[in-house]
Protein backbone atom coordinates (compact mmCIF):
# COMPACT_ATOMS: atom_id res chain seq x y z
CA MET A 1 150.36 75.11 -26.06
CA GLU A 2 153.89 75.80 -27.31
CA LYS A 3 155.82 72.69 -28.29
CA GLU A 4 158.69 73.38 -25.88
CA SER A 5 156.27 73.87 -22.98
CA LEU A 6 154.66 70.54 -23.75
CA ILE A 7 158.03 68.78 -23.94
CA ASN A 8 158.96 70.25 -20.56
CA ILE A 9 155.73 68.96 -19.04
CA ILE A 10 156.34 65.51 -20.48
CA ASN A 11 159.87 65.33 -19.14
CA ASN A 12 159.06 66.87 -15.75
CA GLU A 13 156.30 64.32 -15.09
CA SER A 14 158.43 61.35 -16.08
CA ARG A 15 160.46 59.34 -13.58
CA TYR A 16 162.40 57.41 -16.21
CA ASP A 17 166.15 57.05 -15.70
CA ASP A 18 168.36 56.70 -18.76
CA GLY A 19 169.39 53.09 -19.26
CA ALA A 20 166.68 51.61 -17.02
CA PRO A 21 164.42 48.87 -18.38
CA ILE A 22 161.40 50.13 -20.31
CA PRO A 23 158.27 48.13 -19.41
CA PHE A 24 155.32 48.21 -21.77
CA LEU A 25 153.21 49.93 -19.10
CA PRO A 26 154.90 50.70 -15.76
CA PHE A 27 152.38 50.28 -12.94
CA THR A 28 154.20 52.75 -10.70
CA ARG A 29 153.77 55.48 -13.33
CA LEU A 30 150.05 55.18 -14.02
CA ASN A 31 149.53 58.47 -12.18
CA SER A 32 151.70 61.55 -11.78
CA SER A 33 152.41 62.92 -8.31
CA LYS A 34 149.89 65.71 -8.96
CA GLU A 35 147.22 63.19 -9.98
CA ARG A 36 147.82 61.08 -6.90
CA THR A 37 147.59 64.09 -4.62
CA ALA A 38 144.33 65.27 -6.22
CA CYS A 39 142.77 61.79 -6.12
CA LEU A 40 143.75 61.15 -2.50
CA ALA A 41 142.18 64.45 -1.47
CA GLU A 42 138.87 63.47 -3.13
CA MET A 43 139.03 59.98 -1.65
CA GLU A 44 139.58 61.43 1.84
CA LYS A 45 136.34 63.40 1.50
CA VAL A 46 134.47 60.18 0.70
CA VAL A 47 136.13 58.30 3.56
CA THR A 48 135.15 61.07 5.97
CA SER A 49 131.55 61.10 4.70
CA GLY A 50 131.18 57.33 4.89
CA GLN A 51 129.36 57.36 1.53
CA PHE A 52 131.42 54.65 -0.11
CA THR A 53 128.78 53.26 -2.48
CA SER A 54 126.11 55.88 -3.22
CA GLY A 55 126.87 59.58 -3.06
CA ASP A 56 127.15 62.99 -4.66
CA ALA A 57 130.34 62.19 -6.61
CA ILE A 58 128.38 59.75 -8.79
CA THR A 59 125.81 62.38 -9.72
CA ARG A 60 128.53 64.91 -10.53
CA LEU A 61 130.54 62.44 -12.60
CA GLU A 62 127.51 61.37 -14.63
CA LYS A 63 126.65 65.00 -15.38
CA GLN A 64 130.24 65.82 -16.34
CA LEU A 65 130.46 62.85 -18.71
CA ALA A 66 127.05 63.55 -20.24
CA ASP A 67 127.99 67.18 -20.83
CA TYR A 68 131.34 66.24 -22.33
CA TYR A 69 129.80 63.75 -24.75
CA ARG A 70 126.75 65.92 -25.40
CA ALA A 71 124.55 63.00 -24.34
CA THR A 72 121.20 63.33 -22.63
CA SER A 73 122.02 60.58 -20.12
CA CYS A 74 125.00 58.89 -18.50
CA ILE A 75 124.90 55.83 -16.26
CA ALA A 76 128.19 55.19 -14.44
CA THR A 77 128.91 51.51 -13.78
CA SER A 78 131.23 49.27 -11.79
CA SER A 79 133.22 48.27 -14.89
CA GLY A 80 133.38 48.69 -18.64
CA THR A 81 132.19 45.12 -19.01
CA ASP A 82 129.07 45.84 -16.99
CA ALA A 83 128.47 48.93 -19.13
CA LEU A 84 128.44 46.65 -22.18
CA LYS A 85 126.07 44.12 -20.59
CA ILE A 86 123.68 46.84 -19.50
CA ALA A 87 123.82 48.54 -22.90
CA LEU A 88 122.96 45.27 -24.66
CA LYS A 89 119.98 44.67 -22.39
CA ALA A 90 118.86 48.30 -22.65
CA ILE A 91 118.67 48.18 -26.46
CA GLY A 92 116.65 44.97 -26.32
CA VAL A 93 119.13 42.16 -27.00
CA GLU A 94 117.65 38.90 -25.72
CA PRO A 95 118.87 35.30 -25.33
CA GLY A 96 119.39 33.71 -28.74
CA ASP A 97 119.90 37.03 -30.54
CA GLU A 98 123.04 37.63 -32.58
CA VAL A 99 125.40 40.58 -32.23
CA ILE A 100 128.03 41.36 -34.87
CA VAL A 101 131.48 42.05 -33.37
CA PRO A 102 135.13 42.22 -34.44
CA PRO A 103 137.18 39.13 -33.48
CA ASN A 104 140.25 40.98 -32.16
CA SER A 105 138.91 42.90 -29.15
CA PHE A 106 139.41 42.21 -25.45
CA ALA A 107 137.37 39.27 -24.15
CA ALA A 108 134.97 41.61 -22.34
CA THR A 109 133.36 42.57 -25.66
CA GLU A 110 132.21 39.06 -26.48
CA ASN A 111 131.77 38.06 -22.83
CA ALA A 112 129.15 40.76 -22.37
CA ILE A 113 127.19 39.20 -25.23
CA PHE A 114 127.54 35.68 -23.84
CA SER A 115 126.53 36.82 -20.35
CA ILE A 116 123.01 37.77 -21.46
CA GLY A 117 122.51 34.62 -23.53
CA ALA A 118 123.15 36.15 -26.97
CA LYS A 119 125.73 35.06 -29.55
CA PRO A 120 128.68 36.99 -30.97
CA VAL A 121 129.01 36.81 -34.75
CA TYR A 122 132.51 37.75 -35.87
CA ALA A 123 133.24 40.13 -38.72
CA ASN A 124 136.55 40.69 -40.47
CA ILE A 125 138.62 43.72 -39.57
CA ASP A 126 140.47 45.91 -42.04
CA ALA A 127 143.90 47.58 -41.88
CA SER A 128 142.61 50.02 -39.24
CA PHE A 129 142.14 47.04 -36.85
CA ASN A 130 138.45 47.96 -36.59
CA LEU A 131 135.40 46.12 -37.90
CA ASN A 132 135.08 46.37 -41.67
CA PRO A 133 131.63 47.86 -42.50
CA ALA A 134 131.52 45.89 -45.77
CA GLU A 135 131.30 42.69 -43.71
CA ILE A 136 127.95 43.52 -42.15
CA PRO A 137 125.52 42.54 -44.96
CA ARG A 138 126.88 39.00 -45.33
CA LEU A 139 126.52 38.31 -41.60
CA ILE A 140 122.93 39.43 -41.08
CA THR A 141 120.36 36.75 -40.26
CA THR A 142 116.85 36.80 -38.85
CA ARG A 143 118.42 36.71 -35.35
CA THR A 144 120.73 39.71 -35.82
CA LYS A 145 119.80 42.39 -33.32
CA ALA A 146 122.79 44.72 -33.09
CA ILE A 147 126.36 45.61 -33.98
CA LEU A 148 128.89 46.03 -31.19
CA ALA A 149 131.73 48.01 -32.78
CA VAL A 150 135.03 48.63 -31.01
CA CYS A 151 137.36 51.63 -31.31
CA LEU A 152 140.39 49.41 -30.92
CA TYR A 153 143.67 50.92 -29.69
CA GLY A 154 142.03 54.39 -29.75
CA SER A 155 141.08 54.67 -33.43
CA VAL A 156 137.52 55.65 -34.42
CA ARG A 157 138.03 54.64 -38.08
CA ASN A 158 134.91 53.07 -39.70
CA MET A 159 132.45 54.09 -36.97
CA ARG A 160 130.42 56.43 -39.19
CA ALA A 161 130.25 53.85 -41.99
CA ILE A 162 129.17 51.17 -39.52
CA SER A 163 126.43 53.49 -38.29
CA GLN A 164 125.18 54.07 -41.84
CA GLU A 165 125.19 50.34 -42.61
CA ALA A 166 123.31 49.62 -39.38
CA ARG A 167 120.62 52.19 -40.16
CA HIS A 168 120.18 50.68 -43.62
CA HIS A 169 119.50 47.27 -42.05
CA GLU A 170 117.56 48.65 -39.05
CA LEU A 171 120.09 47.38 -36.51
CA ARG A 172 121.04 48.88 -33.18
CA VAL A 173 124.65 49.98 -32.61
CA ILE A 174 126.76 50.03 -29.46
CA ILE A 175 130.25 51.51 -29.68
CA ASP A 176 132.71 50.06 -27.22
CA ALA A 177 134.83 53.18 -26.66
CA ALA A 178 136.80 51.76 -23.73
CA GLN A 179 140.04 52.59 -25.52
CA CYS A 180 139.12 55.92 -27.09
CA PHE A 181 137.86 58.18 -24.33
CA GLY A 182 137.63 61.78 -25.52
CA VAL A 183 135.77 61.63 -28.87
CA PRO A 184 132.35 63.20 -28.18
CA ASP A 185 131.20 62.84 -31.81
CA LEU A 186 130.88 59.07 -31.34
CA ILE A 187 127.52 59.56 -29.63
CA GLY A 188 126.05 60.52 -33.01
CA CYS A 189 127.11 57.20 -34.56
CA CYS A 190 125.25 54.81 -32.29
CA ASP A 191 122.51 54.12 -29.78
CA VAL A 192 124.94 53.76 -26.86
CA VAL A 193 128.60 54.58 -26.21
CA THR A 194 130.27 52.55 -23.46
CA LEU A 195 133.42 53.56 -21.58
CA SER A 196 135.95 51.92 -19.28
CA PHE A 197 137.98 53.63 -16.57
CA ASN A 198 140.25 50.70 -15.84
CA PRO A 199 143.49 52.09 -14.32
CA PHE A 200 145.36 51.39 -17.57
CA LYS A 201 143.04 53.46 -19.77
CA ASN A 202 143.76 57.00 -20.99
CA ILE A 203 141.72 58.23 -18.03
CA GLY A 204 141.78 55.56 -15.34
CA GLY A 205 140.50 55.32 -11.81
CA PHE A 206 141.91 53.57 -8.75
CA GLY A 207 140.04 50.38 -9.62
CA LYS A 208 137.47 49.17 -12.13
CA SER A 209 134.62 51.36 -13.34
CA GLY A 210 132.84 52.35 -16.54
CA ALA A 211 129.90 54.23 -17.98
CA LEU A 212 127.40 54.26 -20.81
CA LEU A 213 125.99 57.29 -22.63
CA THR A 214 122.95 57.70 -24.85
CA TYR A 215 120.60 60.21 -26.49
CA SER A 216 117.60 57.96 -25.84
CA SER A 217 115.56 58.53 -22.69
CA ALA A 218 113.98 55.06 -23.07
CA ILE A 219 117.38 53.34 -23.32
CA ALA A 220 118.67 55.41 -20.40
CA LYS A 221 115.71 54.45 -18.22
CA ARG A 222 116.16 50.73 -18.90
CA ALA A 223 119.93 50.99 -18.45
CA ARG A 224 119.63 52.67 -15.07
CA GLN A 225 117.17 50.01 -13.92
CA PHE A 226 119.36 47.14 -15.14
CA SER A 227 122.39 48.71 -13.46
CA HIS A 228 120.77 48.61 -10.02
CA HIS A 229 118.88 45.37 -9.39
CA GLY A 230 116.01 46.35 -11.67
CA PHE A 231 114.86 49.06 -9.23
CA SER A 232 112.84 52.07 -10.33
CA GLU A 233 115.05 55.12 -10.37
CA GLY A 234 115.15 56.76 -6.94
CA LYS A 235 113.05 53.99 -5.36
CA LYS A 236 115.25 51.52 -3.53
CA ASN A 237 113.79 47.99 -3.33
CA VAL A 238 110.92 48.89 -5.70
CA LYS A 239 111.51 46.77 -8.80
CA ALA A 240 110.53 47.93 -12.27
CA GLN A 241 112.32 45.05 -14.01
CA ASN A 242 112.23 41.36 -13.15
CA TRP A 243 115.94 41.49 -12.39
CA GLY A 244 119.02 43.67 -12.68
CA PHE A 245 122.75 43.73 -12.07
CA ASN A 246 124.59 45.08 -9.04
CA SER A 247 126.58 47.36 -11.31
CA ARG A 248 126.48 50.93 -10.05
CA ILE A 249 129.81 52.70 -9.72
CA ASP A 250 131.04 53.25 -6.16
CA ASN A 251 131.12 56.83 -4.89
CA ILE A 252 134.82 56.59 -4.07
CA GLN A 253 135.65 55.60 -7.67
CA ALA A 254 133.50 58.41 -9.01
CA ALA A 255 135.34 60.88 -6.79
CA THR A 256 138.68 59.62 -8.09
CA LEU A 257 137.55 60.02 -11.70
CA LEU A 258 136.34 63.58 -11.08
CA ALA A 259 139.88 64.40 -9.96
CA LYS A 260 141.46 62.55 -12.88
CA PHE A 261 139.22 64.31 -15.39
CA THR A 262 140.95 67.60 -14.66
CA PHE A 263 144.19 66.12 -16.01
CA PHE A 264 142.67 64.48 -19.08
CA ALA A 265 143.23 67.28 -21.60
CA ILE A 266 146.96 67.58 -20.94
CA ASN A 267 147.42 63.81 -20.85
CA ALA A 268 145.58 63.48 -24.18
CA LEU A 269 147.81 66.17 -25.67
CA LYS A 270 150.92 64.38 -24.43
CA ARG A 271 149.78 61.09 -25.95
CA SER A 272 149.03 62.77 -29.27
CA TYR A 273 152.44 64.42 -29.35
CA LEU A 274 154.23 61.18 -28.51
CA ALA A 275 152.26 59.40 -31.25
CA TYR A 276 153.22 62.17 -33.68
CA ARG A 277 156.89 61.68 -32.77
CA TYR A 278 156.62 57.93 -33.34
CA ILE A 279 155.04 58.49 -36.74
CA ASN A 280 157.60 61.11 -37.73
CA LYS A 281 160.61 59.08 -36.60
CA LEU A 282 159.42 55.68 -37.87
CA THR A 283 158.16 56.74 -41.30
CA PRO A 284 161.53 55.87 -42.92
CA LEU A 285 161.08 52.27 -41.75
CA GLU A 286 157.62 52.24 -43.28
CA LYS A 287 158.98 53.59 -46.57
CA ARG A 288 161.42 50.68 -46.58
CA GLU A 289 158.37 48.39 -46.11
CA LEU A 290 159.76 47.00 -42.87
CA ILE A 291 156.80 48.13 -40.76
CA THR A 292 153.35 49.59 -41.29
CA LEU A 293 152.26 52.53 -39.14
CA PRO A 294 148.68 53.08 -37.91
CA VAL A 295 146.20 53.92 -40.66
CA GLU A 296 144.14 56.35 -38.58
CA LYS A 297 146.38 59.25 -37.62
CA THR A 298 143.78 61.99 -37.01
CA GLU A 299 140.75 60.62 -35.15
CA ASN A 300 142.74 58.63 -32.65
CA THR A 301 143.23 58.91 -28.89
CA TRP A 302 146.33 56.68 -28.96
CA HIS A 303 145.42 54.32 -26.16
CA LEU A 304 148.01 52.03 -27.72
CA PHE A 305 150.49 52.49 -30.53
CA PRO A 306 150.22 49.51 -32.90
CA ILE A 307 152.61 48.82 -35.72
CA ARG A 308 152.60 45.93 -38.17
CA VAL A 309 155.92 44.14 -38.54
CA ASN A 310 156.47 42.81 -42.05
CA ALA A 311 158.35 39.78 -43.39
CA GLY A 312 157.41 37.56 -40.45
CA LYS A 313 159.84 39.33 -38.10
CA ARG A 314 157.41 40.26 -35.31
CA ASP A 315 158.39 37.60 -32.78
CA GLU A 316 162.08 38.07 -33.53
CA LEU A 317 161.70 41.80 -32.84
CA ILE A 318 159.98 41.10 -29.51
CA ARG A 319 162.86 38.84 -28.45
CA PHE A 320 165.48 41.38 -29.56
CA ALA A 321 163.78 44.20 -27.65
CA LYS A 322 163.58 42.05 -24.53
CA ILE A 323 167.32 41.44 -24.65
CA MET A 324 167.72 45.22 -24.84
CA ASN A 325 165.48 45.64 -21.74
CA ILE A 326 162.48 46.98 -23.67
CA GLU A 327 159.06 45.31 -23.45
CA PHE A 328 156.89 45.17 -26.56
CA ASP A 329 153.50 43.46 -26.45
CA ILE A 330 150.80 41.80 -28.52
CA TYR A 331 147.86 43.11 -26.57
CA TYR A 332 145.21 40.54 -27.57
CA PRO A 333 147.12 37.59 -29.07
CA ILE A 334 144.11 35.31 -29.73
CA LEU A 335 141.24 36.13 -32.10
CA GLY A 336 137.80 35.37 -30.68
CA TYR A 337 137.07 32.39 -32.92
CA GLU A 338 140.52 30.84 -32.30
CA GLY A 339 140.14 30.27 -28.56
CA ALA A 340 140.13 26.99 -26.65
CA ASN A 341 136.54 27.44 -25.42
CA GLU A 342 133.63 25.44 -26.81
CA TYR A 343 132.07 28.33 -28.75
CA ALA A 344 135.32 29.08 -30.56
CA LEU A 345 136.13 25.43 -31.23
CA THR A 346 132.75 24.87 -32.88
CA TYR A 347 132.53 28.24 -34.64
CA GLN A 348 131.47 27.90 -38.27
CA ASP A 349 132.91 29.59 -41.35
CA LYS A 350 136.43 30.17 -39.99
CA ILE A 351 137.73 30.07 -43.55
CA SER A 352 136.27 33.55 -44.12
CA PHE A 353 138.73 35.21 -41.74
CA ALA A 354 141.95 35.04 -43.72
CA THR A 355 142.07 38.84 -43.87
CA SER A 356 141.75 39.24 -40.11
CA ARG A 357 144.36 36.53 -39.47
CA SER A 358 146.91 38.08 -41.82
CA ILE A 359 146.52 41.52 -40.21
CA HIS A 360 146.52 40.17 -36.67
CA ALA A 361 149.60 38.01 -37.27
CA THR A 362 151.72 41.11 -37.83
CA VAL A 363 150.48 43.53 -35.16
CA LEU A 364 152.79 44.62 -32.38
CA HIS A 365 152.38 47.30 -29.70
CA ILE A 366 155.22 49.55 -28.59
CA PRO A 367 155.10 51.54 -25.33
CA LEU A 368 152.98 54.68 -25.14
CA HIS A 369 151.39 55.98 -21.93
CA ASN A 370 150.46 59.19 -20.15
CA HIS A 371 153.76 59.65 -18.33
CA MET A 372 156.30 58.45 -20.86
CA SER A 373 159.42 60.59 -21.38
CA ILE A 374 160.97 61.83 -24.61
CA ARG A 375 164.26 60.07 -23.74
CA GLU A 376 162.38 56.82 -23.19
CA GLN A 377 160.67 57.10 -26.55
CA ASP A 378 163.90 57.92 -28.35
CA ARG A 379 165.50 54.79 -26.94
CA ILE A 380 162.62 52.68 -28.24
CA VAL A 381 163.00 54.24 -31.70
CA ASP A 382 166.75 53.58 -31.64
CA ILE A 383 166.14 49.90 -30.82
CA LEU A 384 163.75 49.56 -33.78
CA TYR A 385 166.36 51.01 -36.15
CA GLU A 386 169.06 48.82 -34.64
CA PHE A 387 166.93 45.73 -35.24
CA PHE A 388 166.20 46.58 -38.87
CA GLN A 389 169.69 47.80 -39.82
């Protein structure tokens, strides 16, 4: 696509008025008018059919996702969190097992582990904000069953190295790709890829939903059983497992996602272009060592745009931007082992996480979403320069 054509699309789909406040993620602009029209048409079909829970849209969505990711199987779920829980059970994680995770992800990552009776074991991150593969050997015990890696903020940095380390130690790998939809190669780095279609994601539904993808027919079979009360596939009320979750995606959500998928390519292109503009325009601030831009600039879906603010000025910058009617955010302000819950309060070996703390203490997220305008972005850039002048 020609650059000018892309810019016109970005500006034509934006409803931003010059001088208006800039929220971090405006709820009223999660979907363009074309997206809303397409989704409502698909939802009307489901409403007319009365097939709100099971239905043909689920089958079509699972096939479309499996084809896109070049996976042999896809199981669509009621949330990204449920996709994680099911994936953990499907690869054989049991109560008392340990799963290596980064400490800076959304709570769903560790909550999925807790929910099946296993224990998260935190690993340091590196400058990419993703789990550092070099951490894995020191954390392995006789109870270690798997690694749950996260493509945080949209970056896939370190995933191949994590996969290699896991194979060396005969560990299973799940990649939580909730924030990096659109990287099919991830399926070759793990046993299971999990997705989230929360409305705020790069491709989001009209409610919560998720999916998991795998090459393994055995994992897929177990996952499908765990997702639907432990039933044998295609045999309602005939249990193959002792128990299972009530975690199948609803037909109406699947229909919405089928409509949204048709807009994904252009939305991904818009995000990439906006990220490129941020990098291009903010590089002078990085050269002055005032900020640090994202490390991974190529294999990145830009779910969020993180910068690191140097010299302890992060909170001051947030306050300044707020005065100027611009909302910046620290997406996950608390590291997993620093919480107020019992597991975090009693977590051992906190002294080993100085690297993660120093990185996390500087991270800040500036607005980037599917329907952001060029004028809006330029105003954000101007505010950053005004702050650092």
